[in-house]
Amino acid sequence: MTDQTTTTDESAADAGHGGHAEGEQSMRGLYITIFLTLGLLTIFEVYIPSVYSAAWSGTTKMLLLCFLAFSKAGLVATYFMHLKWEKPWLRWIALMPVYMGVALILIMLETLYR
């Protein structure tokens, strides 16, 4: 009876280990995809100033660069800081600097309309 239990435990351990290796391989692929996406966004950030060189497009250039920077920060926070797999309350805490940044922008915009 002990031989049968040992065999069952070993097969369960092997099955669990195989599932872990497959999950690790899929996470590695995900991280590589995110890394390549970040690289592509960085290339766009480098070439945007040379493409939009007209005087009227300064605001467009700034908005595009800010959008790309926020996109990259979001990818890093979501995947490399593992916020995608955290509890919702921890995500809210991690996003606290974003809330403060929005509040700061609103306060600065208020000075324009005094």
Protein backbone atom coordinates (compact mmCIF):
# COMPACT_ATOMS: atom_id res chain seq x y z
CA MET A 1 0.00 0.00 0.00
CA THR A 2 2.91 2.37 0.64
CA ASP A 3 4.32 1.67 -2.83
CA GLN A 4 1.09 2.75 -4.47
CA THR A 5 0.92 6.00 -2.43
CA THR A 6 4.55 6.82 -3.23
CA THR A 7 3.95 6.28 -6.95
CA THR A 8 0.85 8.49 -6.85
CA ASP A 9 2.74 11.24 -4.97
CA GLU A 10 5.63 11.12 -7.46
CA SER A 11 3.31 11.35 -10.48
CA ALA A 12 1.49 14.30 -8.87
CA ALA A 13 4.81 16.00 -8.22
CA ASP A 14 5.88 15.43 -11.82
CA ALA A 15 2.58 16.80 -13.13
CA GLY A 16 2.91 19.89 -10.93
CA HIS A 17 6.49 20.48 -12.03
CA GLY A 18 5.56 20.17 -15.69
CA GLY A 19 2.77 22.73 -15.30
CA HIS A 20 5.18 25.12 -13.58
CA ALA A 21 7.71 24.85 -16.41
CA GLU A 22 5.04 25.55 -19.03
CA GLY A 23 3.81 28.58 -17.06
CA GLU A 24 7.36 29.84 -16.69
CA GLN A 25 7.94 29.47 -20.43
CA SER A 26 4.76 31.41 -21.27
CA MET A 27 5.75 34.17 -18.82
CA ARG A 28 9.17 34.38 -20.42
CA GLY A 29 7.52 34.85 -23.81
CA LEU A 30 5.25 37.52 -22.37
CA TYR A 31 8.20 39.37 -20.86
CA ILE A 32 10.10 39.23 -24.15
CA THR A 33 7.04 40.58 -25.99
CA ILE A 34 6.70 43.45 -23.50
CA PHE A 35 10.45 44.15 -23.75
CA LEU A 36 10.25 44.34 -27.55
CA THR A 37 7.18 46.57 -27.33
CA LEU A 38 9.04 48.92 -24.99
CA GLY A 39 11.95 48.99 -27.43
CA LEU A 40 9.63 49.85 -30.31
CA LEU A 41 7.99 52.63 -28.31
CA THR A 42 11.44 53.98 -27.46
CA ILE A 43 12.37 54.05 -31.16
CA PHE A 44 9.18 56.04 -31.82
CA GLU A 45 10.13 58.45 -29.04
CA VAL A 46 13.54 59.02 -30.59
CA TYR A 47 12.20 59.70 -34.09
CA ILE A 48 9.13 61.79 -33.23
CA PRO A 49 11.12 65.04 -32.72
CA SER A 50 12.73 64.72 -36.16
CA VAL A 51 9.44 63.88 -37.92
CA TYR A 52 7.41 66.68 -36.34
CA SER A 53 9.79 69.57 -36.88
CA ALA A 54 7.30 72.24 -38.01
CA ALA A 55 6.63 75.12 -35.62
CA TRP A 56 2.88 74.46 -35.41
CA SER A 57 3.36 70.87 -34.34
CA GLY A 58 5.08 71.54 -31.01
CA THR A 59 1.94 70.71 -29.05
CA THR A 60 1.34 67.59 -31.13
CA LYS A 61 4.89 66.47 -30.54
CA MET A 62 4.62 67.03 -26.79
CA LEU A 63 1.29 65.17 -26.58
CA LEU A 64 2.66 62.21 -28.56
CA LEU A 65 5.76 61.99 -26.40
CA CYS A 66 3.69 62.19 -23.19
CA PHE A 67 1.34 59.48 -24.48
CA LEU A 68 4.29 57.21 -25.33
CA ALA A 69 5.90 57.85 -21.93
CA PHE A 70 2.67 57.02 -20.08
CA SER A 71 2.21 53.90 -22.23
CA LYS A 72 5.70 52.69 -21.40
CA ALA A 73 5.25 53.44 -17.70
CA GLY A 74 1.97 51.54 -17.73
CA LEU A 75 3.55 48.48 -19.35
CA VAL A 76 6.43 48.48 -16.87
CA ALA A 77 4.12 48.87 -13.87
CA THR A 78 1.65 46.26 -15.11
CA TYR A 79 4.03 43.49 -16.09
CA PHE A 80 7.50 44.06 -14.62
CA MET A 81 6.18 45.31 -11.27
CA HIS A 82 3.60 42.46 -11.38
CA LEU A 83 0.65 44.78 -10.67
CA LYS A 84 -1.49 42.82 -13.11
CA TRP A 85 -1.54 39.89 -10.71
CA GLU A 86 -1.88 41.87 -7.46
CA LYS A 87 -4.99 42.56 -5.43
CA PRO A 88 -7.03 45.61 -6.52
CA TRP A 89 -6.32 47.61 -3.34
CA LEU A 90 -2.58 47.27 -3.93
CA ARG A 91 -3.00 48.55 -7.49
CA TRP A 92 -4.77 51.63 -6.14
CA ILE A 93 -1.92 52.27 -3.74
CA ALA A 94 0.67 51.82 -6.49
CA LEU A 95 -1.20 54.33 -8.67
CA MET A 96 -1.13 57.01 -5.96
CA PRO A 97 1.64 59.02 -7.73
CA VAL A 98 -0.60 59.21 -10.82
CA TYR A 99 -3.44 60.66 -8.75
CA MET A 100 -1.07 63.18 -7.21
CA GLY A 101 0.27 64.10 -10.65
CA VAL A 102 -3.24 64.74 -11.96
CA ALA A 103 -4.01 66.88 -8.91
CA LEU A 104 -0.78 68.82 -9.44
CA ILE A 105 -1.63 69.46 -13.10
CA LEU A 106 -5.11 70.67 -12.14
CA ILE A 107 -3.63 73.02 -9.55
CA MET A 108 -1.15 74.40 -12.11
CA LEU A 109 -3.94 74.86 -14.68
CA GLU A 110 -5.92 76.81 -12.10
CA THR A 111 -3.24 79.50 -12.08
CA LEU A 112 -3.84 80.12 -15.79
CA TYR A 113 -7.46 81.09 -15.18
CA ARG A 114 -7.10 83.44 -12.19
